[in-house]
């Protein structure tokens, strides 16, 4: 399905932040100690969720020449996950989950902004809306775990 330029740009922004989310979770998985193995499994699931999201968004963009395949290191919003590199090594559970929540805040906001931009049409609205709901649920789960870890 071909898209207009504005919609393709919106979808590419979402592809980039999903790529950043995968990179952040993979970094976290590599650095988390054995006592937090449950977080590794959770983060693997969320990384896979973003891979799936990226594939769905890529299919919406249509033309391979228009699809963004990289990370968005230059953007402030998209750098939220990059910043966790300095935090995860040896951090306690609450710190890990706080940083994960910060990354989830960024992707959740990106989805909200893009859905309210009015630049998505047809199938894109439905697919992006479903992905936003899944990301919102992931955010809430990470926030609940963080709140429990702080006790």
Protein backbone atom coordinates (compact mmCIF):
# COMPACT_ATOMS: atom_id res chain seq x y z
CA UNK A 1 0.00 0.00 0.00
CA UNK A 2 1.56 3.29 -1.12
CA UNK A 3 1.35 6.31 1.18
CA UNK A 4 1.45 10.05 0.80
CA UNK A 5 4.70 11.78 1.70
CA UNK A 6 3.41 13.16 5.01
CA UNK A 7 2.07 9.79 6.13
CA UNK A 8 5.29 8.07 5.05
CA UNK A 9 7.24 10.56 7.17
CA UNK A 10 5.05 9.90 10.20
CA UNK A 11 5.37 6.14 9.76
CA UNK A 12 9.14 6.42 9.32
CA UNK A 13 9.38 8.40 12.58
CA UNK A 14 7.54 5.55 14.32
CA UNK A 15 9.80 2.97 12.66
CA UNK A 16 12.84 4.85 13.99
CA UNK A 17 11.60 5.04 17.56
CA UNK A 18 10.69 1.34 17.45
CA UNK A 19 14.26 0.66 16.27
CA UNK A 20 15.53 2.75 19.19
CA UNK A 21 13.29 0.80 21.57
CA UNK A 22 14.71 -2.51 20.30
CA UNK A 23 18.26 -1.18 20.74
CA UNK A 24 17.48 0.03 24.26
CA UNK A 25 15.94 -3.23 25.36
CA UNK A 26 18.79 -5.24 23.80
CA UNK A 27 21.30 -3.09 25.69
CA UNK A 28 19.35 -3.62 28.90
CA UNK A 29 19.17 -7.38 28.32
CA UNK A 30 22.92 -7.56 27.82
CA UNK A 31 23.66 -5.60 30.99
CA UNK A 32 21.07 -6.94 33.45
CA UNK A 33 22.47 -9.21 36.14
CA UNK A 34 21.14 -12.70 36.90
CA UNK A 35 19.02 -11.58 39.85
CA UNK A 36 16.77 -9.76 37.37
CA UNK A 37 16.29 -12.57 34.85
CA UNK A 38 12.54 -11.90 34.80
CA UNK A 39 13.27 -8.44 33.40
CA UNK A 40 15.38 -9.95 30.63
CA UNK A 41 12.42 -12.08 29.53
CA UNK A 42 10.04 -9.12 29.74
CA UNK A 43 12.38 -6.86 27.78
CA UNK A 44 12.92 -9.56 25.12
CA UNK A 45 9.16 -9.62 24.61
CA UNK A 46 9.01 -5.85 24.25
CA UNK A 47 11.93 -5.82 21.82
CA UNK A 48 10.08 -8.40 19.74
CA UNK A 49 6.94 -6.25 19.95
CA UNK A 50 8.85 -3.31 18.45
CA UNK A 51 10.32 -5.51 15.71
CA UNK A 52 6.78 -6.56 14.79
CA UNK A 53 5.62 -2.95 14.93
CA UNK A 54 8.42 -1.92 12.61
CA UNK A 55 7.50 -4.64 10.12
CA UNK A 56 3.84 -3.57 10.13
CA UNK A 57 4.78 0.08 9.67
CA UNK A 58 7.22 -0.79 6.88
CA UNK A 59 4.43 -2.61 5.04
CA UNK A 60 2.31 0.54 5.33
CA UNK A 61 5.03 2.77 3.92
CA UNK A 62 5.10 0.53 0.84
CA UNK A 63 8.04 1.53 -1.31
CA UNK A 64 11.35 0.15 -0.06
CA UNK A 65 13.13 3.37 -1.08
CA UNK A 66 10.99 5.36 1.37
CA UNK A 67 11.37 3.09 4.41
CA UNK A 68 13.54 4.21 7.32
CA UNK A 69 15.69 1.37 8.58
CA UNK A 70 17.97 3.13 11.03
CA UNK A 71 17.85 4.62 14.48
CA UNK A 72 17.17 8.29 15.10
CA UNK A 73 20.25 9.22 17.10
CA UNK A 74 19.87 12.90 16.21
CA UNK A 75 16.35 13.42 17.60
CA UNK A 76 15.79 14.42 21.22
CA UNK A 77 12.70 12.26 21.61
CA UNK A 78 14.34 9.28 19.99
CA UNK A 79 17.44 9.50 22.16
CA UNK A 80 15.57 8.49 25.30
CA UNK A 81 16.68 4.88 24.94
CA UNK A 82 20.25 5.76 23.97
CA UNK A 83 20.75 7.48 27.35
CA UNK A 84 20.21 4.25 29.26
CA UNK A 85 23.56 2.88 28.13
CA UNK A 86 25.21 4.67 31.04
CA UNK A 87 22.68 3.47 33.61
CA UNK A 88 22.17 -0.25 33.11
CA UNK A 89 25.58 -1.63 34.05
CA UNK A 90 25.22 -2.90 37.61
CA UNK A 91 22.12 -0.84 38.40
CA UNK A 92 19.53 -1.95 40.90
CA UNK A 93 16.08 -3.15 39.85
CA UNK A 94 14.32 0.16 40.54
CA UNK A 95 16.88 2.10 38.46
CA UNK A 96 16.61 -0.33 35.56
CA UNK A 97 12.83 -0.06 35.58
CA UNK A 98 12.91 3.74 35.96
CA UNK A 99 15.07 4.04 32.85
CA UNK A 100 12.90 1.55 30.98
CA UNK A 101 9.84 3.59 31.91
CA UNK A 102 11.53 6.75 30.65
CA UNK A 103 12.08 5.06 27.30
CA UNK A 104 8.48 3.87 27.26
CA UNK A 105 7.32 7.43 28.04
CA UNK A 106 9.12 8.60 24.89
CA UNK A 107 7.63 6.01 22.55
CA UNK A 108 4.18 6.40 24.10
CA UNK A 109 4.34 10.16 23.49
CA UNK A 110 5.55 9.66 19.92
CA UNK A 111 2.58 7.45 19.15
CA UNK A 112 0.14 9.88 20.79
CA UNK A 113 1.61 12.80 18.84
CA UNK A 114 1.49 10.97 15.53
CA UNK A 115 -2.06 9.73 16.06
CA UNK A 116 -3.23 13.27 16.84
CA UNK A 117 -1.30 14.83 13.93
CA UNK A 118 -4.08 14.08 11.46
CA UNK A 119 -1.57 12.81 8.90
CA UNK A 120 -2.52 9.15 9.12
CA UNK A 121 -5.34 7.72 7.05
CA UNK A 122 -7.10 4.41 6.47
CA UNK A 123 -5.34 1.29 7.67
CA UNK A 124 -2.51 3.36 9.17
CA UNK A 125 -4.82 4.87 11.80
CA UNK A 126 -6.01 1.43 12.88
CA UNK A 127 -2.57 -0.22 12.92
CA UNK A 128 -0.85 2.68 14.69
CA UNK A 129 -3.73 2.87 17.17
CA UNK A 130 -3.41 -0.83 17.99
CA UNK A 131 0.35 -0.49 18.40
CA UNK A 132 -0.15 2.55 20.65
CA UNK A 133 -2.47 0.51 22.88
CA UNK A 134 0.12 -2.28 23.19
CA UNK A 135 2.87 0.22 23.99
CA UNK A 136 0.66 1.92 26.58
CA UNK A 137 0.10 -1.49 28.24
CA UNK A 138 3.86 -2.17 28.21
CA UNK A 139 4.49 1.22 29.80
CA UNK A 140 1.94 0.54 32.52
CA UNK A 141 3.46 -2.87 33.28
CA UNK A 142 6.97 -1.43 33.56
CA UNK A 143 5.67 1.42 35.74
CA UNK A 144 3.90 -1.04 38.06
CA UNK A 145 7.08 -3.14 38.37
CA UNK A 146 9.09 0.01 39.07
CA UNK A 147 6.64 1.10 41.76
CA UNK A 148 6.87 -2.34 43.39
CA UNK A 149 10.69 -2.29 43.23
CA UNK A 150 10.81 1.05 45.03
CA UNK A 151 9.00 -0.38 48.08
